Amino acid sequence: MRTDSPVVLRRATAADAPAVADVYLRSFAAALPTVGRGRGIGDRFVSLARQRSPRGLTLWTFQVNEPAHRFYERHGFTAVEFTDGSGNEEREPDVRYEWRP
């Protein structure tokens, strides 16, 4: 990924989520270059997602992505499921996080 790339957002579609009640932060398809990190953009995404889904949020991230784990846990998400990755495109072990008010 280029470090000078802009943040890219798109509206989530029904195909982005397996259930209507689930809101996946990754559905925003945000690609933030390293130089853009630490500026509160992710915090704003979480805040927006909470406003739009006040009953709770669910998301997935890869188990090897420790910075994401720290970020989501700092925002009150709890790891509720770990998989071997056989169910995702990348075949990478992942973890499902949930946030409930």
Protein backbone atom coordinates (compact mmCIF):
# COMPACT_ATOMS: atom_id res chain seq x y z
CA MET A 1 0.00 0.00 0.00
CA ARG A 2 1.28 3.45 -0.83
CA THR A 3 1.85 5.63 2.21
CA ASP A 4 0.44 8.69 0.43
CA SER A 5 -2.87 7.02 -0.44
CA PRO A 6 -6.07 8.76 0.66
CA VAL A 7 -8.55 7.13 3.00
CA VAL A 8 -11.08 5.24 0.89
CA LEU A 9 -14.66 4.76 2.08
CA ARG A 10 -17.69 3.16 0.52
CA ARG A 11 -21.19 2.47 1.78
CA ALA A 12 -21.72 -1.06 3.05
CA THR A 13 -24.11 -3.22 1.04
CA ALA A 14 -26.20 -6.21 2.04
CA ALA A 15 -23.53 -8.48 0.57
CA ASP A 16 -21.05 -7.12 3.12
CA ALA A 17 -22.82 -8.66 6.09
CA PRO A 18 -24.25 -12.16 6.61
CA ALA A 19 -27.02 -10.84 8.86
CA VAL A 20 -28.87 -7.54 8.93
CA ALA A 21 -28.18 -7.08 12.66
CA ASP A 22 -24.41 -7.29 12.21
CA VAL A 23 -22.43 -4.19 11.41
CA TYR A 24 -18.88 -4.86 10.34
CA LEU A 25 -16.46 -2.01 10.65
CA ARG A 26 -14.55 -3.53 7.78
CA SER A 27 -17.64 -2.88 5.64
CA PHE A 28 -16.54 0.71 5.53
CA ALA A 29 -13.56 -0.63 3.58
CA ALA A 30 -11.27 1.90 5.16
CA ALA A 31 -7.70 1.65 4.02
CA LEU A 32 -5.59 3.93 6.14
CA PRO A 33 -1.91 4.35 5.31
CA THR A 34 0.57 4.03 8.15
CA VAL A 35 1.27 7.76 8.12
CA GLY A 36 -2.44 8.42 8.70
CA ARG A 37 -2.63 6.33 11.84
CA GLY A 38 -2.81 7.86 15.30
CA ARG A 39 -4.94 10.80 14.19
CA GLY A 40 -8.26 9.65 15.63
CA ILE A 41 -9.82 8.50 12.36
CA GLY A 42 -10.44 4.96 13.65
CA ASP A 43 -11.87 6.38 16.87
CA ARG A 44 -14.35 8.39 14.80
CA PHE A 45 -15.32 5.30 12.79
CA VAL A 46 -16.04 3.37 15.97
CA SER A 47 -18.04 6.29 17.36
CA LEU A 48 -20.07 6.53 14.15
CA ALA A 49 -20.67 2.77 14.07
CA ARG A 50 -21.88 2.83 17.69
CA GLN A 51 -24.26 5.71 16.94
CA ARG A 52 -25.71 3.80 14.01
CA SER A 53 -25.87 0.47 15.86
CA PRO A 54 -26.59 1.32 19.50
CA ARG A 55 -27.55 -2.29 20.33
CA GLY A 56 -24.08 -3.59 19.52
CA LEU A 57 -21.44 -4.29 16.90
CA THR A 58 -19.65 -7.36 15.58
CA LEU A 59 -16.43 -7.42 13.58
CA TRP A 60 -13.66 -9.77 12.50
CA THR A 61 -9.91 -9.25 12.38
CA PHE A 62 -6.96 -11.56 11.88
CA GLN A 63 -5.39 -13.15 14.94
CA VAL A 64 -1.94 -11.89 13.90
CA ASN A 65 -3.14 -8.26 13.82
CA GLU A 66 -2.16 -7.29 17.37
CA PRO A 67 -2.55 -3.53 16.75
CA ALA A 68 -6.19 -4.14 15.75
CA HIS A 69 -6.76 -6.23 18.89
CA ARG A 70 -5.42 -3.42 21.07
CA PHE A 71 -7.51 -0.84 19.21
CA TYR A 72 -10.80 -2.74 19.47
CA GLU A 73 -10.22 -3.80 23.07
CA ARG A 74 -9.45 -0.19 23.97
CA HIS A 75 -12.89 0.65 22.56
CA GLY A 76 -14.62 -1.97 24.70
CA PHE A 77 -14.84 -4.83 22.21
CA THR A 78 -14.45 -8.38 23.54
CA ALA A 79 -13.02 -11.35 21.64
CA VAL A 80 -15.81 -13.94 21.48
CA GLU A 81 -14.70 -16.42 18.81
CA PHE A 82 -11.41 -17.64 17.38
CA THR A 83 -11.23 -19.64 14.13
CA ASP A 84 -8.55 -21.49 12.19
CA GLY A 85 -9.27 -19.36 9.12
CA SER A 86 -10.84 -22.13 7.06
CA GLY A 87 -13.99 -20.02 6.67
CA ASN A 88 -12.41 -16.88 5.24
CA GLU A 89 -10.97 -16.05 1.80
CA GLU A 90 -7.47 -15.57 3.10
CA ARG A 91 -7.40 -18.82 5.10
CA GLU A 92 -5.90 -16.78 7.94
CA PRO A 93 -6.87 -17.54 11.56
CA ASP A 94 -9.21 -14.80 12.72
CA VAL A 95 -11.06 -13.54 15.75
CA ARG A 96 -14.59 -12.20 16.08
CA TYR A 97 -15.06 -9.21 18.37
CA GLU A 98 -18.30 -7.88 19.82
CA TRP A 99 -19.24 -4.63 21.51
CA ARG A 100 -22.43 -4.41 23.53
CA PRO A 101 -23.62 -1.29 25.38
